[in-house]
Amino acid sequence: MRLLLDECIGDRSLRDALVAAGHDVVRTVDELGGGADDLAVFAYACKHARIVLTYNNADFKLLGEEDPKHPGMLLIYQDNKPSDMNSSDIVKAVANVETTHTTGIVGELIVLNAYRW
């Protein structure tokens, strides 16, 4: 998958783990600088056909609903509980999405937490 890690989730270790799993991954902080607003991140994702991976679910859900032609979004809910997804959970869940959605996820908003198996 061609992924864009939002700044809130875009640490290097997650990027490296996703790249090691065979994904094409960039971070917003590297491409747009720190503090880029959500609209700029969404526009970049659309222009470069990259799926947004984020914890910032409410804002990106609204953007995705306003423009349903986006490349897709993977939303992760974290509650500061032991059940929160760690990097290895995220990598596995992304693989499960890819396996389940063989034709891609264009226009879809997917809650990645549901792909933990």
N, C-alpha and C. Protein backbone atom coordinates (compact mmCIF):
# COMPACT_ATOMS: atom_id res chain seq x y z
N MET A 1 0.84 -1.18 0.00
CA MET A 1 0.00 0.00 0.00
C MET A 1 0.88 1.24 0.00
N ARG A 2 0.37 2.28 -0.63
CA ARG A 2 1.03 3.59 -0.61
C ARG A 2 0.42 4.39 0.54
N LEU A 3 1.19 4.55 1.60
CA LEU A 3 0.68 5.16 2.83
C LEU A 3 1.30 6.52 3.10
N LEU A 4 0.50 7.38 3.72
CA LEU A 4 0.96 8.67 4.23
C LEU A 4 0.67 8.67 5.72
N LEU A 5 1.71 8.68 6.54
CA LEU A 5 1.54 8.70 7.99
C LEU A 5 1.33 10.13 8.46
N ASP A 6 0.18 10.39 9.03
CA ASP A 6 -0.12 11.70 9.59
C ASP A 6 0.88 11.98 10.72
N GLU A 7 1.11 13.23 11.00
CA GLU A 7 2.11 13.61 11.99
C GLU A 7 1.84 12.98 13.36
N CYS A 8 0.57 12.82 13.72
CA CYS A 8 0.24 12.27 15.04
C CYS A 8 0.64 10.80 15.19
N ILE A 9 0.87 10.12 14.07
CA ILE A 9 1.21 8.70 14.12
C ILE A 9 2.55 8.41 13.45
N GLY A 10 3.14 9.41 12.85
CA GLY A 10 4.25 9.20 11.94
C GLY A 10 5.64 9.09 12.53
N ASP A 11 5.82 8.25 13.55
CA ASP A 11 7.19 8.10 14.03
C ASP A 11 7.99 7.20 13.08
N ARG A 12 9.28 7.33 13.14
CA ARG A 12 10.15 6.59 12.21
C ARG A 12 10.06 5.08 12.39
N SER A 13 9.87 4.64 13.61
CA SER A 13 9.84 3.19 13.83
C SER A 13 8.63 2.56 13.16
N LEU A 14 7.48 3.21 13.19
CA LEU A 14 6.30 2.68 12.50
C LEU A 14 6.53 2.72 10.99
N ARG A 15 7.07 3.83 10.50
CA ARG A 15 7.37 3.90 9.06
C ARG A 15 8.30 2.76 8.66
N ASP A 16 9.35 2.56 9.41
CA ASP A 16 10.32 1.51 9.09
C ASP A 16 9.68 0.12 9.11
N ALA A 17 8.81 -0.13 10.08
CA ALA A 17 8.13 -1.43 10.17
C ALA A 17 7.20 -1.64 8.99
N LEU A 18 6.50 -0.61 8.58
CA LEU A 18 5.61 -0.72 7.42
C LEU A 18 6.40 -0.91 6.13
N VAL A 19 7.52 -0.21 6.00
CA VAL A 19 8.39 -0.38 4.82
C VAL A 19 8.94 -1.80 4.79
N ALA A 20 9.37 -2.31 5.94
CA ALA A 20 9.88 -3.68 6.01
C ALA A 20 8.82 -4.70 5.62
N ALA A 21 7.55 -4.35 5.83
CA ALA A 21 6.44 -5.24 5.46
C ALA A 21 6.05 -5.08 3.98
N GLY A 22 6.77 -4.22 3.26
CA GLY A 22 6.55 -4.11 1.83
C GLY A 22 5.70 -2.93 1.37
N HIS A 23 5.43 -2.00 2.26
CA HIS A 23 4.61 -0.84 1.90
C HIS A 23 5.48 0.34 1.49
N ASP A 24 4.91 1.21 0.68
CA ASP A 24 5.54 2.45 0.24
C ASP A 24 5.02 3.53 1.19
N VAL A 25 5.88 4.02 2.07
CA VAL A 25 5.42 4.88 3.16
C VAL A 25 6.20 6.18 3.21
N VAL A 26 5.46 7.29 3.36
CA VAL A 26 6.07 8.59 3.64
C VAL A 26 5.36 9.19 4.85
N ARG A 27 6.06 10.11 5.50
CA ARG A 27 5.51 10.80 6.67
C ARG A 27 5.19 12.25 6.31
N THR A 28 4.09 12.76 6.83
CA THR A 28 3.73 14.15 6.54
C THR A 28 4.81 15.10 7.02
N VAL A 29 5.44 14.80 8.15
CA VAL A 29 6.46 15.70 8.68
C VAL A 29 7.65 15.81 7.71
N ASP A 30 7.93 14.75 6.96
CA ASP A 30 9.02 14.79 5.99
C ASP A 30 8.60 15.48 4.69
N GLU A 31 7.35 15.31 4.31
CA GLU A 31 6.87 15.83 3.03
C GLU A 31 6.33 17.25 3.13
N LEU A 32 5.68 17.57 4.25
CA LEU A 32 5.01 18.88 4.40
C LEU A 32 5.56 19.71 5.55
N GLY A 33 6.46 19.14 6.32
CA GLY A 33 6.97 19.84 7.49
C GLY A 33 6.06 19.60 8.68
N GLY A 34 6.54 19.94 9.85
CA GLY A 34 5.76 19.78 11.06
C GLY A 34 4.62 20.78 11.13
N GLY A 35 3.52 20.36 11.72
CA GLY A 35 2.39 21.26 11.94
C GLY A 35 1.51 21.50 10.72
N ALA A 36 1.65 20.71 9.68
CA ALA A 36 0.79 20.89 8.49
C ALA A 36 -0.66 20.67 8.89
N ASP A 37 -1.55 21.51 8.39
CA ASP A 37 -2.96 21.34 8.75
C ASP A 37 -3.57 20.15 8.00
N ASP A 38 -4.69 19.70 8.52
CA ASP A 38 -5.32 18.49 7.99
C ASP A 38 -5.70 18.61 6.52
N LEU A 39 -6.15 19.76 6.11
CA LEU A 39 -6.54 19.97 4.71
C LEU A 39 -5.33 19.82 3.80
N ALA A 40 -4.17 20.33 4.22
CA ALA A 40 -2.94 20.19 3.43
C ALA A 40 -2.53 18.72 3.35
N VAL A 41 -2.66 17.99 4.45
CA VAL A 41 -2.32 16.57 4.47
C VAL A 41 -3.26 15.80 3.54
N PHE A 42 -4.55 16.10 3.62
CA PHE A 42 -5.54 15.44 2.79
C PHE A 42 -5.27 15.73 1.31
N ALA A 43 -4.98 16.98 0.99
CA ALA A 43 -4.68 17.37 -0.41
C ALA A 43 -3.45 16.64 -0.91
N TYR A 44 -2.42 16.55 -0.09
CA TYR A 44 -1.20 15.84 -0.47
C TYR A 44 -1.53 14.37 -0.74
N ALA A 45 -2.29 13.75 0.15
CA ALA A 45 -2.66 12.34 -0.03
C ALA A 45 -3.40 12.13 -1.34
N CYS A 46 -4.33 13.01 -1.64
CA CYS A 46 -5.10 12.89 -2.88
C CYS A 46 -4.22 13.10 -4.10
N LYS A 47 -3.38 14.10 -4.06
CA LYS A 47 -2.51 14.41 -5.20
C LYS A 47 -1.53 13.28 -5.49
N HIS A 48 -1.04 12.64 -4.44
CA HIS A 48 -0.01 11.61 -4.58
C HIS A 48 -0.55 10.18 -4.42
N ALA A 49 -1.88 10.04 -4.42
CA ALA A 49 -2.53 8.73 -4.31
C ALA A 49 -1.99 7.91 -3.14
N ARG A 50 -2.02 8.52 -1.95
CA ARG A 50 -1.55 7.84 -0.74
C ARG A 50 -2.69 7.73 0.26
N ILE A 51 -2.76 6.60 0.90
CA ILE A 51 -3.77 6.33 1.92
C ILE A 51 -3.29 6.96 3.23
N VAL A 52 -4.15 7.77 3.84
CA VAL A 52 -3.80 8.42 5.10
C VAL A 52 -3.96 7.42 6.24
N LEU A 53 -2.96 7.34 7.08
CA LEU A 53 -3.00 6.54 8.31
C LEU A 53 -2.91 7.53 9.47
N THR A 54 -3.93 7.56 10.33
CA THR A 54 -3.99 8.61 11.35
C THR A 54 -4.73 8.18 12.62
N TYR A 55 -4.44 8.91 13.70
CA TYR A 55 -5.22 8.84 14.93
C TYR A 55 -6.24 9.98 14.95
N ASN A 56 -6.10 10.93 14.05
CA ASN A 56 -6.94 12.13 14.01
C ASN A 56 -8.23 11.81 13.24
N ASN A 57 -9.03 10.96 13.81
CA ASN A 57 -10.16 10.38 13.10
C ASN A 57 -11.28 11.36 12.77
N ALA A 58 -11.67 12.19 13.71
CA ALA A 58 -12.81 13.08 13.49
C ALA A 58 -12.56 14.01 12.31
N ASP A 59 -11.40 14.65 12.29
CA ASP A 59 -11.12 15.61 11.22
C ASP A 59 -11.00 14.94 9.86
N PHE A 60 -10.31 13.81 9.80
CA PHE A 60 -10.13 13.14 8.51
C PHE A 60 -11.42 12.46 8.04
N LYS A 61 -12.24 12.04 8.96
CA LYS A 61 -13.53 11.49 8.58
C LYS A 61 -14.36 12.56 7.87
N LEU A 62 -14.36 13.76 8.41
CA LEU A 62 -15.09 14.86 7.76
C LEU A 62 -14.53 15.16 6.37
N LEU A 63 -13.22 15.23 6.25
CA LEU A 63 -12.60 15.50 4.96
C LEU A 63 -12.93 14.40 3.95
N GLY A 64 -12.89 13.17 4.40
CA GLY A 64 -13.20 12.05 3.52
C GLY A 64 -14.65 12.03 3.06
N GLU A 65 -15.54 12.43 3.95
CA GLU A 65 -16.96 12.49 3.58
C GLU A 65 -17.23 13.62 2.60
N GLU A 66 -16.47 14.71 2.70
CA GLU A 66 -16.63 15.84 1.80
C GLU A 66 -16.10 15.54 0.40
N ASP A 67 -15.09 14.69 0.30
CA ASP A 67 -14.49 14.34 -0.98
C ASP A 67 -14.32 12.83 -1.05
N PRO A 68 -15.37 12.12 -1.49
CA PRO A 68 -15.33 10.66 -1.48
C PRO A 68 -14.42 10.03 -2.53
N LYS A 69 -13.69 10.82 -3.29
CA LYS A 69 -12.77 10.27 -4.29
C LYS A 69 -11.35 10.14 -3.75
N HIS A 70 -11.17 10.31 -2.45
CA HIS A 70 -9.84 10.20 -1.84
C HIS A 70 -9.29 8.78 -1.98
N PRO A 71 -7.97 8.61 -1.81
CA PRO A 71 -7.35 7.30 -1.97
C PRO A 71 -7.69 6.28 -0.88
N GLY A 72 -8.31 6.73 0.18
CA GLY A 72 -8.65 5.87 1.30
C GLY A 72 -8.02 6.36 2.59
N MET A 73 -8.62 5.97 3.71
CA MET A 73 -8.10 6.36 5.01
C MET A 73 -8.17 5.20 5.97
N LEU A 74 -7.12 5.05 6.74
CA LEU A 74 -7.05 4.05 7.80
C LEU A 74 -7.04 4.82 9.13
N LEU A 75 -8.10 4.68 9.87
CA LEU A 75 -8.28 5.41 11.12
C LEU A 75 -8.03 4.48 12.29
N ILE A 76 -7.29 4.96 13.28
CA ILE A 76 -6.97 4.16 14.46
C ILE A 76 -7.49 4.87 15.70
N TYR A 77 -8.25 4.15 16.50
CA TYR A 77 -8.75 4.70 17.76
C TYR A 77 -7.85 4.21 18.89
N GLN A 78 -7.37 5.15 19.69
CA GLN A 78 -6.52 4.85 20.84
C GLN A 78 -7.19 5.45 22.08
N ASP A 79 -7.24 4.68 23.16
CA ASP A 79 -7.89 5.12 24.39
C ASP A 79 -6.95 5.11 25.60
N ASN A 80 -5.66 5.04 25.34
CA ASN A 80 -4.68 4.95 26.43
C ASN A 80 -4.96 3.76 27.34
N LYS A 81 -5.26 2.63 26.71
CA LYS A 81 -5.52 1.39 27.42
C LYS A 81 -4.56 0.32 26.90
N PRO A 82 -4.38 -0.74 27.65
CA PRO A 82 -3.50 -1.82 27.16
C PRO A 82 -3.96 -2.40 25.82
N SER A 83 -5.22 -2.23 25.48
CA SER A 83 -5.74 -2.77 24.22
C SER A 83 -5.42 -1.88 23.00
N ASP A 84 -4.81 -0.72 23.23
CA ASP A 84 -4.44 0.15 22.11
C ASP A 84 -3.48 -0.57 21.18
N MET A 85 -3.50 -0.18 19.92
CA MET A 85 -2.66 -0.81 18.91
C MET A 85 -1.22 -0.30 19.01
N ASN A 86 -0.28 -1.24 19.00
CA ASN A 86 1.13 -0.85 18.92
C ASN A 86 1.58 -0.98 17.47
N SER A 87 2.83 -0.71 17.20
CA SER A 87 3.33 -0.73 15.82
C SER A 87 3.13 -2.08 15.14
N SER A 88 3.41 -3.16 15.84
CA SER A 88 3.25 -4.47 15.21
C SER A 88 1.78 -4.78 14.93
N ASP A 89 0.88 -4.33 15.82
CA ASP A 89 -0.56 -4.50 15.57
C ASP A 89 -0.98 -3.73 14.31
N ILE A 90 -0.44 -2.52 14.17
CA ILE A 90 -0.78 -1.68 13.02
C ILE A 90 -0.30 -2.33 11.73
N VAL A 91 0.93 -2.82 11.73
CA VAL A 91 1.49 -3.45 10.53
C VAL A 91 0.64 -4.67 10.14
N LYS A 92 0.27 -5.49 11.10
CA LYS A 92 -0.55 -6.67 10.82
C LYS A 92 -1.94 -6.26 10.33
N ALA A 93 -2.53 -5.26 10.95
CA ALA A 93 -3.87 -4.82 10.55
C ALA A 93 -3.85 -4.24 9.14
N VAL A 94 -2.81 -3.50 8.79
CA VAL A 94 -2.69 -2.98 7.42
C VAL A 94 -2.62 -4.14 6.43
N ALA A 95 -1.86 -5.18 6.77
CA ALA A 95 -1.79 -6.37 5.91
C ALA A 95 -3.16 -7.03 5.78
N ASN A 96 -3.92 -7.08 6.87
CA ASN A 96 -5.25 -7.66 6.82
C ASN A 96 -6.20 -6.84 5.94
N VAL A 97 -6.07 -5.52 5.99
CA VAL A 97 -6.88 -4.66 5.10
C VAL A 97 -6.52 -4.96 3.65
N GLU A 98 -5.24 -5.03 3.38
CA GLU A 98 -4.77 -5.28 2.01
C GLU A 98 -5.27 -6.63 1.50
N THR A 99 -5.26 -7.63 2.35
CA THR A 99 -5.73 -8.97 1.97
C THR A 99 -7.25 -8.98 1.76
N THR A 100 -7.96 -8.27 2.60
CA THR A 100 -9.42 -8.25 2.54
C THR A 100 -9.96 -7.40 1.40
N HIS A 101 -9.30 -6.29 1.14
CA HIS A 101 -9.75 -5.34 0.11
C HIS A 101 -8.82 -5.43 -1.09
N THR A 102 -8.94 -6.49 -1.84
CA THR A 102 -8.00 -6.78 -2.94
C THR A 102 -8.06 -5.77 -4.07
N THR A 103 -9.16 -5.03 -4.19
CA THR A 103 -9.26 -4.03 -5.26
C THR A 103 -8.92 -2.63 -4.78
N GLY A 104 -8.46 -2.51 -3.54
CA GLY A 104 -8.07 -1.21 -2.99
C GLY A 104 -9.15 -0.65 -2.08
N ILE A 105 -8.86 0.53 -1.53
CA ILE A 105 -9.80 1.16 -0.59
C ILE A 105 -10.15 2.59 -0.98
N VAL A 106 -10.06 2.90 -2.25
CA VAL A 106 -10.38 4.26 -2.70
C VAL A 106 -11.76 4.67 -2.18
N GLY A 107 -11.81 5.85 -1.56
CA GLY A 107 -13.05 6.40 -1.05
C GLY A 107 -13.54 5.81 0.26
N GLU A 108 -12.80 4.86 0.81
CA GLU A 108 -13.25 4.21 2.04
C GLU A 108 -12.57 4.79 3.28
N LEU A 109 -13.31 4.79 4.37
CA LEU A 109 -12.80 5.15 5.69
C LEU A 109 -12.83 3.87 6.51
N ILE A 110 -11.67 3.33 6.80
CA ILE A 110 -11.58 2.04 7.48
C ILE A 110 -11.01 2.23 8.87
N VAL A 111 -11.72 1.70 9.86
CA VAL A 111 -11.21 1.70 11.23
C VAL A 111 -10.28 0.50 11.36
N LEU A 112 -9.00 0.80 11.47
CA LEU A 112 -7.98 -0.24 11.47
C LEU A 112 -8.09 -1.17 12.67
N ASN A 113 -8.61 -0.67 13.77
CA ASN A 113 -8.78 -1.49 14.98
C ASN A 113 -9.59 -2.76 14.69
N ALA A 114 -10.51 -2.69 13.75
CA ALA A 114 -11.36 -3.82 13.42
C ALA A 114 -10.63 -4.90 12.62
N TYR A 115 -9.40 -4.63 12.21
CA TYR A 115 -8.62 -5.58 11.40
C TYR A 115 -7.51 -6.24 12.20
N ARG A 116 -7.68 -6.29 13.51
CA ARG A 116 -6.71 -6.95 14.39
C ARG A 116 -7.10 -8.40 14.55
N TRP A 117 -6.57 -9.26 13.77
CA TRP A 117 -6.79 -10.69 13.95
C TRP A 117 -5.56 -11.47 13.59
